[in-house]
All heavy atoms as atom14 arrays in JSON, in Angstrom:
{
  "sequence": "ALQFIKRNPVGVAGVAVALALGGWMYFRGDAGTVLEEELSRHQAEA",
  "atom14_mask": [
    [1, 1, 1, 1, 1, 0, 0, 0, 0, 0, 0, 0, 0, 0],
    [1, 1, 1, 1, 1, 1, 1, 1, 0, 0, 0, 0, 0, 0],
    [1, 1, 1, 1, 1, 1, 1, 1, 1, 0, 0, 0, 0, 0],
    [1, 1, 1, 1, 1, 1, 1, 1, 1, 1, 1, 0, 0, 0],
    [1, 1, 1, 1, 1, 1, 1, 1, 0, 0, 0, 0, 0, 0],
    [1, 1, 1, 1, 1, 1, 1, 1, 1, 0, 0, 0, 0, 0],
    [1, 1, 1, 1, 1, 1, 1, 1, 1, 1, 1, 0, 0, 0],
    [1, 1, 1, 1, 1, 1, 1, 1, 0, 0, 0, 0, 0, 0],
    [1, 1, 1, 1, 1, 1, 1, 0, 0, 0, 0, 0, 0, 0],
    [1, 1, 1, 1, 1, 1, 1, 0, 0, 0, 0, 0, 0, 0],
    [1, 1, 1, 1, 0, 0, 0, 0, 0, 0, 0, 0, 0, 0],
    [1, 1, 1, 1, 1, 1, 1, 0, 0, 0, 0, 0, 0, 0],
    [1, 1, 1, 1, 1, 0, 0, 0, 0, 0, 0, 0, 0, 0],
    [1, 1, 1, 1, 0, 0, 0, 0, 0, 0, 0, 0, 0, 0],
    [1, 1, 1, 1, 1, 1, 1, 0, 0, 0, 0, 0, 0, 0],
    [1, 1, 1, 1, 1, 0, 0, 0, 0, 0, 0, 0, 0, 0],
    [1, 1, 1, 1, 1, 1, 1, 0, 0, 0, 0, 0, 0, 0],
    [1, 1, 1, 1, 1, 0, 0, 0, 0, 0, 0, 0, 0, 0],
    [1, 1, 1, 1, 1, 1, 1, 1, 0, 0, 0, 0, 0, 0],
    [1, 1, 1, 1, 1, 0, 0, 0, 0, 0, 0, 0, 0, 0],
    [1, 1, 1, 1, 1, 1, 1, 1, 0, 0, 0, 0, 0, 0],
    [1, 1, 1, 1, 0, 0, 0, 0, 0, 0, 0, 0, 0, 0],
    [1, 1, 1, 1, 0, 0, 0, 0, 0, 0, 0, 0, 0, 0],
    [1, 1, 1, 1, 1, 1, 1, 1, 1, 1, 1, 1, 1, 1],
    [1, 1, 1, 1, 1, 1, 1, 1, 0, 0, 0, 0, 0, 0],
    [1, 1, 1, 1, 1, 1, 1, 1, 1, 1, 1, 1, 0, 0],
    [1, 1, 1, 1, 1, 1, 1, 1, 1, 1, 1, 0, 0, 0],
    [1, 1, 1, 1, 1, 1, 1, 1, 1, 1, 1, 0, 0, 0],
    [1, 1, 1, 1, 0, 0, 0, 0, 0, 0, 0, 0, 0, 0],
    [1, 1, 1, 1, 1, 1, 1, 1, 0, 0, 0, 0, 0, 0],
    [1, 1, 1, 1, 1, 0, 0, 0, 0, 0, 0, 0, 0, 0],
    [1, 1, 1, 1, 0, 0, 0, 0, 0, 0, 0, 0, 0, 0],
    [1, 1, 1, 1, 1, 1, 1, 0, 0, 0, 0, 0, 0, 0],
    [1, 1, 1, 1, 1, 1, 1, 0, 0, 0, 0, 0, 0, 0],
    [1, 1, 1, 1, 1, 1, 1, 1, 0, 0, 0, 0, 0, 0],
    [1, 1, 1, 1, 1, 1, 1, 1, 1, 0, 0, 0, 0, 0],
    [1, 1, 1, 1, 1, 1, 1, 1, 1, 0, 0, 0, 0, 0],
    [1, 1, 1, 1, 1, 1, 1, 1, 1, 0, 0, 0, 0, 0],
    [1, 1, 1, 1, 1, 1, 1, 1, 0, 0, 0, 0, 0, 0],
    [1, 1, 1, 1, 1, 1, 0, 0, 0, 0, 0, 0, 0, 0],
    [1, 1, 1, 1, 1, 1, 1, 1, 1, 1, 1, 0, 0, 0],
    [1, 1, 1, 1, 1, 1, 1, 1, 1, 1, 0, 0, 0, 0],
    [1, 1, 1, 1, 1, 1, 1, 1, 1, 0, 0, 0, 0, 0],
    [1, 1, 1, 1, 1, 0, 0, 0, 0, 0, 0, 0, 0, 0],
    [1, 1, 1, 1, 1, 1, 1, 1, 1, 0, 0, 0, 0, 0],
    [1, 1, 1, 1, 1, 0, 0, 0, 0, 0, 0, 0, 0, 0]
  ],
  "atom14_positions": [
    [[0.77, -1.25, -0.01], [0.01, 0.0, -0.03], [0.94, 1.24, 0.02], [0.6, 2.32, -0.62], [-0.9, 0.01, 1.2], [0.0, 0.0, 0.0], [0.0, 0.0, 0.0], [0.0, 0.0, 0.0], [0.0, 0.0, 0.0], [0.0, 0.0, 0.0], [0.0, 0.0, 0.0], [0.0, 0.0, 0.0], [0.0, 0.0, 0.0], [0.0, 0.0, 0.0]],
    [[1.91, 1.14, 0.76], [2.87, 2.37, 0.81], [3.54, 2.48, -0.53], [3.78, 3.63, -1.05], [3.86, 2.05, 1.88], [4.74, 3.28, 2.29], [3.92, 4.42, 2.79], [5.68, 2.92, 3.52], [0.0, 0.0, 0.0], [0.0, 0.0, 0.0], [0.0, 0.0, 0.0], [0.0, 0.0, 0.0], [0.0, 0.0, 0.0], [0.0, 0.0, 0.0]],
    [[3.95, 1.47, -1.24], [4.48, 1.51, -2.55], [3.5, 2.18, -3.66], [3.84, 2.93, -4.33], [4.89, 0.11, -3.02], [6.12, -0.36, -2.4], [7.33, 0.54, -2.56], [7.55, 1.15, -3.72], [8.34, 0.6, -1.69], [0.0, 0.0, 0.0], [0.0, 0.0, 0.0], [0.0, 0.0, 0.0], [0.0, 0.0, 0.0], [0.0, 0.0, 0.0]],
    [[2.18, 1.68, -3.4], [1.11, 2.31, -4.41], [0.95, 3.67, -4.19], [0.81, 4.48, -5.19], [-0.1, 1.46, -4.13], [-1.2, 1.99, -4.99], [-1.3, 1.45, -6.34], [-2.21, 2.84, -4.51], [-2.37, 1.9, -7.17], [-3.23, 3.21, -5.26], [-3.31, 2.74, -6.64], [0.0, 0.0, 0.0], [0.0, 0.0, 0.0], [0.0, 0.0, 0.0]],
    [[1.04, 4.2, -2.91], [0.88, 5.61, -2.74], [2.05, 6.42, -3.17], [1.81, 7.48, -3.71], [0.67, 5.88, -1.06], [-0.67, 5.31, -0.63], [0.76, 7.32, -0.76], [-0.84, 5.21, 0.8], [0.0, 0.0, 0.0], [0.0, 0.0, 0.0], [0.0, 0.0, 0.0], [0.0, 0.0, 0.0], [0.0, 0.0, 0.0], [0.0, 0.0, 0.0]],
    [[3.24, 5.84, -3.11], [4.41, 6.58, -3.55], [4.42, 6.64, -5.17], [4.89, 7.53, -5.72], [5.68, 5.79, -3.16], [5.98, 5.98, -1.69], [7.33, 5.34, -1.35], [7.61, 5.57, 0.15], [8.77, 4.98, 0.55], [0.0, 0.0, 0.0], [0.0, 0.0, 0.0], [0.0, 0.0, 0.0], [0.0, 0.0, 0.0], [0.0, 0.0, 0.0]],
    [[3.81, 5.65, -5.76], [3.8, 5.73, -7.2], [2.79, 6.58, -7.75], [2.9, 7.14, -8.76], [3.54, 4.23, -7.8], [4.79, 3.37, -7.79], [4.6, 2.1, -8.41], [3.9, 1.35, -7.48], [3.29, 0.12, -7.6], [3.23, -0.2, -8.86], [2.62, -0.48, -6.83], [0.0, 0.0, 0.0], [0.0, 0.0, 0.0], [0.0, 0.0, 0.0]],
    [[1.67, 6.73, -6.98], [0.47, 7.51, -7.5], [0.05, 8.53, -6.37], [-1.07, 8.54, -5.85], [-0.8, 6.64, -7.79], [-0.58, 5.57, -8.83], [0.01, 5.94, -9.85], [-0.86, 4.38, -8.38], [0.0, 0.0, 0.0], [0.0, 0.0, 0.0], [0.0, 0.0, 0.0], [0.0, 0.0, 0.0], [0.0, 0.0, 0.0], [0.0, 0.0, 0.0]],
    [[0.95, 9.55, -6.05], [0.66, 10.42, -5.08], [-0.48, 11.32, -5.33], [-1.34, 11.74, -4.61], [2.0, 11.23, -4.83], [2.7, 11.15, -6.09], [2.28, 9.78, -6.69], [0.0, 0.0, 0.0], [0.0, 0.0, 0.0], [0.0, 0.0, 0.0], [0.0, 0.0, 0.0], [0.0, 0.0, 0.0], [0.0, 0.0, 0.0], [0.0, 0.0, 0.0]],
    [[-0.59, 11.84, -6.62], [-1.65, 12.79, -7.08], [-3.07, 12.0, -7.13], [-4.02, 12.6, -6.57], [-1.33, 13.39, -8.46], [-2.57, 14.21, -8.97], [-0.11, 14.1, -8.5], [0.0, 0.0, 0.0], [0.0, 0.0, 0.0], [0.0, 0.0, 0.0], [0.0, 0.0, 0.0], [0.0, 0.0, 0.0], [0.0, 0.0, 0.0], [0.0, 0.0, 0.0]],
    [[-3.09, 10.94, -7.51], [-4.44, 10.15, -7.52], [-4.87, 9.82, -6.09], [-6.08, 9.99, -5.85], [0.0, 0.0, 0.0], [0.0, 0.0, 0.0], [0.0, 0.0, 0.0], [0.0, 0.0, 0.0], [0.0, 0.0, 0.0], [0.0, 0.0, 0.0], [0.0, 0.0, 0.0], [0.0, 0.0, 0.0], [0.0, 0.0, 0.0], [0.0, 0.0, 0.0]],
    [[-4.0, 9.36, -5.28], [-4.35, 9.16, -3.94], [-4.8, 10.34, -3.19], [-5.76, 10.34, -2.41], [-3.29, 8.52, -3.17], [-3.45, 8.25, -1.71], [-2.87, 7.0, -3.81], [0.0, 0.0, 0.0], [0.0, 0.0, 0.0], [0.0, 0.0, 0.0], [0.0, 0.0, 0.0], [0.0, 0.0, 0.0], [0.0, 0.0, 0.0], [0.0, 0.0, 0.0]],
    [[-4.06, 11.46, -3.36], [-4.48, 12.72, -2.72], [-5.81, 13.23, -3.25], [-6.56, 13.73, -2.53], [-3.33, 13.67, -3.02], [0.0, 0.0, 0.0], [0.0, 0.0, 0.0], [0.0, 0.0, 0.0], [0.0, 0.0, 0.0], [0.0, 0.0, 0.0], [0.0, 0.0, 0.0], [0.0, 0.0, 0.0], [0.0, 0.0, 0.0], [0.0, 0.0, 0.0]],
    [[-6.11, 13.07, -4.51], [-7.4, 13.47, -5.11], [-8.49, 12.6, -4.44], [-9.56, 13.22, -4.13], [0.0, 0.0, 0.0], [0.0, 0.0, 0.0], [0.0, 0.0, 0.0], [0.0, 0.0, 0.0], [0.0, 0.0, 0.0], [0.0, 0.0, 0.0], [0.0, 0.0, 0.0], [0.0, 0.0, 0.0], [0.0, 0.0, 0.0], [0.0, 0.0, 0.0]],
    [[-8.34, 11.34, -4.29], [-9.33, 10.44, -3.79], [-9.52, 10.83, -2.21], [-10.61, 10.98, -1.79], [-8.9, 9.03, -3.89], [-9.82, 8.14, -3.1], [-8.98, 8.54, -5.33], [0.0, 0.0, 0.0], [0.0, 0.0, 0.0], [0.0, 0.0, 0.0], [0.0, 0.0, 0.0], [0.0, 0.0, 0.0], [0.0, 0.0, 0.0], [0.0, 0.0, 0.0]],
    [[-8.5, 11.14, -1.62], [-8.52, 11.38, -0.18], [-9.33, 12.79, -0.04], [-10.21, 12.94, 0.86], [-7.18, 11.53, 0.51], [0.0, 0.0, 0.0], [0.0, 0.0, 0.0], [0.0, 0.0, 0.0], [0.0, 0.0, 0.0], [0.0, 0.0, 0.0], [0.0, 0.0, 0.0], [0.0, 0.0, 0.0], [0.0, 0.0, 0.0], [0.0, 0.0, 0.0]],
    [[-9.0, 13.77, -0.93], [-9.69, 15.17, -0.87], [-11.29, 14.91, -1.19], [-12.08, 15.41, -0.62], [-9.01, 16.1, -1.76], [-9.82, 17.33, -1.89], [-7.73, 16.44, -1.18], [0.0, 0.0, 0.0], [0.0, 0.0, 0.0], [0.0, 0.0, 0.0], [0.0, 0.0, 0.0], [0.0, 0.0, 0.0], [0.0, 0.0, 0.0], [0.0, 0.0, 0.0]],
    [[-11.41, 14.1, -2.28], [-12.77, 13.73, -2.6], [-13.63, 13.25, -1.46], [-14.76, 13.46, -1.22], [-12.87, 12.99, -3.9], [0.0, 0.0, 0.0], [0.0, 0.0, 0.0], [0.0, 0.0, 0.0], [0.0, 0.0, 0.0], [0.0, 0.0, 0.0], [0.0, 0.0, 0.0], [0.0, 0.0, 0.0], [0.0, 0.0, 0.0], [0.0, 0.0, 0.0]],
    [[-13.02, 12.16, -0.68], [-13.66, 11.56, 0.24], [-13.84, 12.47, 1.41], [-14.92, 12.52, 2.09], [-12.74, 10.25, 0.78], [-12.86, 9.05, -0.17], [-11.97, 7.91, 0.32], [-14.32, 8.58, -0.14], [0.0, 0.0, 0.0], [0.0, 0.0, 0.0], [0.0, 0.0, 0.0], [0.0, 0.0, 0.0], [0.0, 0.0, 0.0], [0.0, 0.0, 0.0]],
    [[-12.94, 13.34, 1.73], [-13.1, 14.34, 2.77], [-14.18, 15.35, 2.48], [-15.0, 15.63, 3.29], [-11.73, 15.02, 3.08], [0.0, 0.0, 0.0], [0.0, 0.0, 0.0], [0.0, 0.0, 0.0], [0.0, 0.0, 0.0], [0.0, 0.0, 0.0], [0.0, 0.0, 0.0], [0.0, 0.0, 0.0], [0.0, 0.0, 0.0], [0.0, 0.0, 0.0]],
    [[-14.18, 15.8, 1.26], [-15.2, 16.75, 0.78], [-16.59, 16.01, 0.78], [-17.61, 16.63, 1.26], [-14.97, 17.22, -0.53], [-13.91, 18.29, -0.62], [-13.64, 18.73, -2.11], [-14.25, 19.63, 0.14], [0.0, 0.0, 0.0], [0.0, 0.0, 0.0], [0.0, 0.0, 0.0], [0.0, 0.0, 0.0], [0.0, 0.0, 0.0], [0.0, 0.0, 0.0]],
    [[-16.72, 14.82, 0.41], [-18.02, 14.06, 0.43], [-18.48, 13.91, 1.84], [-19.73, 14.07, 2.07], [0.0, 0.0, 0.0], [0.0, 0.0, 0.0], [0.0, 0.0, 0.0], [0.0, 0.0, 0.0], [0.0, 0.0, 0.0], [0.0, 0.0, 0.0], [0.0, 0.0, 0.0], [0.0, 0.0, 0.0], [0.0, 0.0, 0.0], [0.0, 0.0, 0.0]],
    [[-17.64, 13.59, 2.63], [-18.05, 13.31, 3.98], [-18.46, 14.69, 4.77], [-19.44, 14.78, 5.44], [0.0, 0.0, 0.0], [0.0, 0.0, 0.0], [0.0, 0.0, 0.0], [0.0, 0.0, 0.0], [0.0, 0.0, 0.0], [0.0, 0.0, 0.0], [0.0, 0.0, 0.0], [0.0, 0.0, 0.0], [0.0, 0.0, 0.0], [0.0, 0.0, 0.0]],
    [[-17.8, 15.77, 4.44], [-18.07, 17.04, 4.9], [-19.48, 17.54, 4.37], [-20.2, 18.05, 5.11], [-17.0, 18.08, 4.41], [-17.34, 19.48, 5.07], [-17.08, 19.93, 6.29], [-17.74, 20.6, 4.29], [-17.47, 21.22, 6.39], [-17.87, 21.65, 5.08], [-18.17, 20.79, 2.95], [-18.38, 22.89, 4.81], [-18.51, 22.09, 2.58], [-18.7, 23.08, 3.48]],
    [[-19.72, 17.3, 3.11], [-20.95, 17.58, 2.52], [-22.11, 16.8, 3.15], [-23.32, 17.29, 3.25], [-21.03, 17.51, 0.95], [-20.2, 18.63, 0.31], [-19.96, 18.39, -1.56], [-21.42, 17.72, -2.08], [0.0, 0.0, 0.0], [0.0, 0.0, 0.0], [0.0, 0.0, 0.0], [0.0, 0.0, 0.0], [0.0, 0.0, 0.0], [0.0, 0.0, 0.0]],
    [[-21.84, 15.55, 3.41], [-22.89, 14.64, 3.96], [-23.22, 15.05, 5.29], [-24.39, 15.21, 5.71], [-22.34, 13.22, 4.02], [-23.29, 12.31, 4.75], [-24.42, 11.87, 4.0], [-23.03, 11.78, 5.97], [-25.42, 10.98, 4.68], [-24.03, 11.03, 6.52], [-25.1, 10.55, 5.84], [-26.03, 9.75, 6.51], [0.0, 0.0, 0.0], [0.0, 0.0, 0.0]],
    [[-22.28, 15.45, 6.14], [-22.57, 15.89, 7.53], [-22.97, 17.3, 7.63], [-23.79, 17.59, 8.59], [-21.29, 15.63, 8.41], [-21.12, 14.17, 8.68], [-19.86, 13.47, 8.15], [-21.97, 13.38, 9.48], [-19.71, 12.26, 8.36], [-21.69, 12.02, 9.62], [-20.6, 11.45, 9.06], [0.0, 0.0, 0.0], [0.0, 0.0, 0.0], [0.0, 0.0, 0.0]],
    [[-22.56, 18.09, 6.75], [-23.09, 19.55, 6.77], [-24.21, 19.84, 5.77], [-24.43, 21.18, 5.52], [-21.8, 20.46, 6.52], [-20.77, 20.33, 7.54], [-21.19, 21.02, 8.93], [-21.3, 22.53, 8.58], [-21.74, 23.33, 9.39], [-22.17, 22.95, 10.6], [-21.88, 24.64, 9.2], [0.0, 0.0, 0.0], [0.0, 0.0, 0.0], [0.0, 0.0, 0.0]],
    [[-24.81, 18.88, 5.18], [-25.72, 19.1, 4.11], [-26.99, 19.87, 4.66], [-27.66, 20.63, 3.87], [0.0, 0.0, 0.0], [0.0, 0.0, 0.0], [0.0, 0.0, 0.0], [0.0, 0.0, 0.0], [0.0, 0.0, 0.0], [0.0, 0.0, 0.0], [0.0, 0.0, 0.0], [0.0, 0.0, 0.0], [0.0, 0.0, 0.0], [0.0, 0.0, 0.0]],
    [[-27.38, 19.74, 5.81], [-28.58, 20.38, 6.42], [-28.28, 21.71, 6.86], [-29.16, 22.45, 7.39], [-29.31, 19.49, 7.53], [-28.32, 19.33, 8.76], [-27.06, 19.54, 8.6], [-28.8, 19.18, 9.91], [0.0, 0.0, 0.0], [0.0, 0.0, 0.0], [0.0, 0.0, 0.0], [0.0, 0.0, 0.0], [0.0, 0.0, 0.0], [0.0, 0.0, 0.0]],
    [[-27.04, 22.11, 6.92], [-26.68, 23.45, 7.47], [-27.25, 24.61, 6.66], [-27.59, 25.6, 7.2], [-25.11, 23.68, 7.48], [0.0, 0.0, 0.0], [0.0, 0.0, 0.0], [0.0, 0.0, 0.0], [0.0, 0.0, 0.0], [0.0, 0.0, 0.0], [0.0, 0.0, 0.0], [0.0, 0.0, 0.0], [0.0, 0.0, 0.0], [0.0, 0.0, 0.0]],
    [[-27.52, 24.39, 5.27], [-28.14, 25.42, 4.51], [-29.51, 25.74, 4.91], [-29.92, 26.92, 5.09], [0.0, 0.0, 0.0], [0.0, 0.0, 0.0], [0.0, 0.0, 0.0], [0.0, 0.0, 0.0], [0.0, 0.0, 0.0], [0.0, 0.0, 0.0], [0.0, 0.0, 0.0], [0.0, 0.0, 0.0], [0.0, 0.0, 0.0], [0.0, 0.0, 0.0]],
    [[-30.44, 24.7, 5.23], [-31.74, 24.91, 5.61], [-31.82, 25.62, 7.03], [-32.54, 26.49, 7.28], [-32.47, 23.66, 5.55], [-31.88, 22.81, 6.48], [-32.65, 23.14, 4.26], [0.0, 0.0, 0.0], [0.0, 0.0, 0.0], [0.0, 0.0, 0.0], [0.0, 0.0, 0.0], [0.0, 0.0, 0.0], [0.0, 0.0, 0.0], [0.0, 0.0, 0.0]],
    [[-30.85, 25.16, 7.89], [-30.79, 25.75, 9.26], [-30.37, 27.24, 9.16], [-30.96, 28.12, 9.82], [-29.8, 24.94, 10.15], [-29.55, 25.66, 11.42], [-30.33, 23.51, 10.37], [0.0, 0.0, 0.0], [0.0, 0.0, 0.0], [0.0, 0.0, 0.0], [0.0, 0.0, 0.0], [0.0, 0.0, 0.0], [0.0, 0.0, 0.0], [0.0, 0.0, 0.0]],
    [[-29.37, 27.47, 8.27], [-28.96, 28.97, 8.13], [-30.06, 29.68, 7.47], [-30.3, 30.99, 7.85], [-27.68, 28.97, 7.25], [-26.43, 28.45, 8.07], [-25.28, 28.43, 7.0], [-26.1, 29.26, 9.24], [0.0, 0.0, 0.0], [0.0, 0.0, 0.0], [0.0, 0.0, 0.0], [0.0, 0.0, 0.0], [0.0, 0.0, 0.0], [0.0, 0.0, 0.0]],
    [[-30.87, 29.22, 6.5], [-31.98, 29.91, 5.96], [-33.04, 30.23, 6.83], [-33.51, 31.34, 6.95], [-32.56, 29.0, 4.74], [-31.6, 29.1, 3.51], [-32.3, 28.26, 2.47], [-33.34, 27.69, 2.66], [-31.66, 27.94, 1.38], [0.0, 0.0, 0.0], [0.0, 0.0, 0.0], [0.0, 0.0, 0.0], [0.0, 0.0, 0.0], [0.0, 0.0, 0.0]],
    [[-33.36, 29.36, 7.88], [-34.35, 29.5, 8.86], [-33.91, 30.69, 9.85], [-34.63, 31.38, 10.23], [-34.55, 28.32, 9.66], [-35.41, 27.13, 8.79], [-35.5, 25.82, 9.53], [-34.98, 25.85, 10.68], [-36.08, 24.98, 8.95], [0.0, 0.0, 0.0], [0.0, 0.0, 0.0], [0.0, 0.0, 0.0], [0.0, 0.0, 0.0], [0.0, 0.0, 0.0]],
    [[-32.59, 30.51, 10.12], [-32.1, 31.55, 11.05], [-32.03, 32.94, 10.39], [-32.42, 33.91, 10.96], [-30.69, 31.22, 11.42], [-30.02, 32.08, 12.47], [-28.68, 31.57, 12.91], [-28.34, 30.48, 12.77], [-27.99, 32.46, 13.44], [0.0, 0.0, 0.0], [0.0, 0.0, 0.0], [0.0, 0.0, 0.0], [0.0, 0.0, 0.0], [0.0, 0.0, 0.0]],
    [[-31.68, 32.96, 9.07], [-31.84, 34.26, 8.35], [-33.24, 34.84, 8.36], [-33.35, 36.0, 8.53], [-31.31, 34.11, 6.94], [-31.35, 35.24, 6.05], [-30.53, 36.41, 6.48], [-31.03, 34.83, 4.46], [0.0, 0.0, 0.0], [0.0, 0.0, 0.0], [0.0, 0.0, 0.0], [0.0, 0.0, 0.0], [0.0, 0.0, 0.0], [0.0, 0.0, 0.0]],
    [[-34.22, 33.93, 8.04], [-35.66, 34.43, 7.94], [-36.1, 35.02, 9.33], [-36.75, 36.04, 9.44], [-36.45, 33.48, 7.55], [-36.63, 32.3, 8.37], [0.0, 0.0, 0.0], [0.0, 0.0, 0.0], [0.0, 0.0, 0.0], [0.0, 0.0, 0.0], [0.0, 0.0, 0.0], [0.0, 0.0, 0.0], [0.0, 0.0, 0.0], [0.0, 0.0, 0.0]],
    [[-35.6, 34.38, 10.41], [-35.9, 34.88, 11.84], [-35.24, 36.18, 12.03], [-35.91, 37.16, 12.64], [-35.36, 33.81, 12.86], [-36.31, 32.66, 13.17], [-36.04, 31.87, 14.46], [-34.55, 31.6, 14.71], [-34.08, 30.54, 14.34], [-34.64, 29.6, 13.6], [-32.75, 30.37, 14.45], [0.0, 0.0, 0.0], [0.0, 0.0, 0.0], [0.0, 0.0, 0.0]],
    [[-34.03, 36.37, 11.58], [-33.45, 37.58, 11.83], [-34.07, 38.74, 11.03], [-34.01, 39.9, 11.46], [-31.84, 37.47, 11.49], [-31.12, 36.69, 12.47], [-30.93, 37.23, 13.88], [-30.42, 35.61, 12.54], [-30.25, 36.22, 14.51], [-29.84, 35.21, 13.72], [0.0, 0.0, 0.0], [0.0, 0.0, 0.0], [0.0, 0.0, 0.0], [0.0, 0.0, 0.0]],
    [[-34.45, 38.42, 9.79], [-35.11, 39.34, 8.91], [-36.39, 39.87, 9.64], [-36.73, 41.02, 9.49], [-35.29, 38.71, 7.57], [-34.08, 38.71, 6.67], [-34.33, 38.03, 5.45], [-35.35, 37.31, 5.13], [-33.47, 38.36, 4.33], [0.0, 0.0, 0.0], [0.0, 0.0, 0.0], [0.0, 0.0, 0.0], [0.0, 0.0, 0.0], [0.0, 0.0, 0.0]],
    [[-37.06, 38.77, 10.16], [-38.49, 39.21, 10.79], [-38.13, 40.0, 12.0], [-38.85, 41.09, 12.31], [-39.21, 37.84, 11.22], [0.0, 0.0, 0.0], [0.0, 0.0, 0.0], [0.0, 0.0, 0.0], [0.0, 0.0, 0.0], [0.0, 0.0, 0.0], [0.0, 0.0, 0.0], [0.0, 0.0, 0.0], [0.0, 0.0, 0.0], [0.0, 0.0, 0.0]],
    [[-37.16, 39.86, 12.71], [-36.83, 40.6, 13.94], [-36.39, 42.02, 13.51], [-36.78, 43.04, 14.09], [-35.71, 39.86, 14.68], [-35.24, 40.62, 16.01], [-36.32, 40.65, 17.0], [-37.18, 39.81, 16.89], [-36.15, 41.46, 18.02], [0.0, 0.0, 0.0], [0.0, 0.0, 0.0], [0.0, 0.0, 0.0], [0.0, 0.0, 0.0], [0.0, 0.0, 0.0]],
    [[-35.62, 42.11, 12.35], [-35.17, 43.37, 11.96], [-36.34, 44.16, 11.45], [-36.37, 45.45, 11.61], [-34.09, 43.28, 10.76], [0.0, 0.0, 0.0], [0.0, 0.0, 0.0], [0.0, 0.0, 0.0], [0.0, 0.0, 0.0], [0.0, 0.0, 0.0], [0.0, 0.0, 0.0], [0.0, 0.0, 0.0], [0.0, 0.0, 0.0], [0.0, 0.0, 0.0]]
  ]
}
């Protein structure tokens, strides 16, 4: 596995970044609706 990573550093880094971004989007996917609700509350208060 270490030899494979040394031979393909760009591909492995790309897959790692893609997995990290995919996980981040999965866990933070509802943040947009929460932020929209908070924005509408702040607009009503304003």
